[in-house]
Amino acid sequence: MNAAELKQALADGVKEDAPILRDKAIAELSARSPFPSHPDVVNYNRALFTKNPKAL
């Protein structure tokens, strides 16, 4: 993702949902034992944010 794409992605985000998704991710990852590896965390986050919610 380049700077222009990042700027657009941030503009397209649903800001009201961000804290809910953040808290969900933290709770899910914190409940795992042992704590997941970095690639597992990245894959989990990508699964949460598969599509732009405004495009649905």
Protein backbone atom coordinates (compact mmCIF):
# COMPACT_ATOMS: atom_id res chain seq x y z
CA MET A 1 0.00 0.00 0.00
CA ASN A 2 1.44 3.34 -0.96
CA ALA A 3 0.80 6.69 0.72
CA ALA A 4 -2.13 7.62 -1.52
CA GLU A 5 -3.81 4.24 -0.99
CA LEU A 6 -3.30 4.50 2.77
CA LYS A 7 -4.82 7.97 2.81
CA GLN A 8 -7.85 6.68 0.89
CA ALA A 9 -8.19 3.62 3.12
CA LEU A 10 -8.18 5.79 6.23
CA ALA A 11 -10.77 8.10 4.69
CA ASP A 12 -12.96 5.12 3.76
CA GLY A 13 -12.86 3.54 7.20
CA VAL A 14 -15.93 3.44 9.43
CA LYS A 15 -14.52 5.26 12.41
CA GLU A 16 -17.38 4.31 14.73
CA ASP A 17 -16.55 0.60 14.25
CA ALA A 18 -12.80 0.95 14.83
CA PRO A 19 -12.85 0.73 18.66
CA ILE A 20 -15.20 -2.27 18.55
CA LEU A 21 -13.01 -4.17 16.11
CA ARG A 22 -9.84 -3.19 17.99
CA ASP A 23 -11.26 -4.45 21.29
CA LYS A 24 -12.47 -7.66 19.64
CA ALA A 25 -9.03 -8.32 18.19
CA ILE A 26 -7.27 -7.63 21.49
CA ALA A 27 -9.65 -9.87 23.45
CA GLU A 28 -9.38 -12.72 20.95
CA LEU A 29 -5.60 -12.59 20.69
CA SER A 30 -5.11 -12.18 24.45
CA ALA A 31 -7.23 -15.27 25.12
CA ARG A 32 -4.93 -17.47 23.05
CA SER A 33 -2.25 -19.41 24.83
CA PRO A 34 0.50 -19.16 23.98
CA PHE A 35 0.20 -15.69 22.51
CA PRO A 36 0.07 -15.99 18.71
CA SER A 37 3.08 -15.32 16.52
CA HIS A 38 3.34 -12.11 14.52
CA PRO A 39 2.20 -13.84 11.28
CA ASP A 40 -0.84 -15.23 13.15
CA VAL A 41 -1.72 -11.75 14.43
CA VAL A 42 -1.38 -10.30 10.92
CA ASN A 43 -3.59 -13.06 9.46
CA TYR A 44 -6.21 -12.55 12.17
CA ASN A 45 -6.33 -8.80 11.56
CA ARG A 46 -6.61 -9.35 7.82
CA ALA A 47 -9.55 -11.71 8.44
CA LEU A 48 -11.32 -9.00 10.45
CA PHE A 49 -10.83 -6.38 7.77
CA THR A 50 -11.40 -8.34 4.58
CA LYS A 51 -13.48 -5.67 2.84
CA ASN A 52 -14.09 -1.98 2.98
CA PRO A 53 -17.35 -1.71 4.98
CA LYS A 54 -18.41 1.37 3.00
CA ALA A 55 -18.23 -0.65 -0.23
CA LEU A 56 -20.79 -3.20 0.97
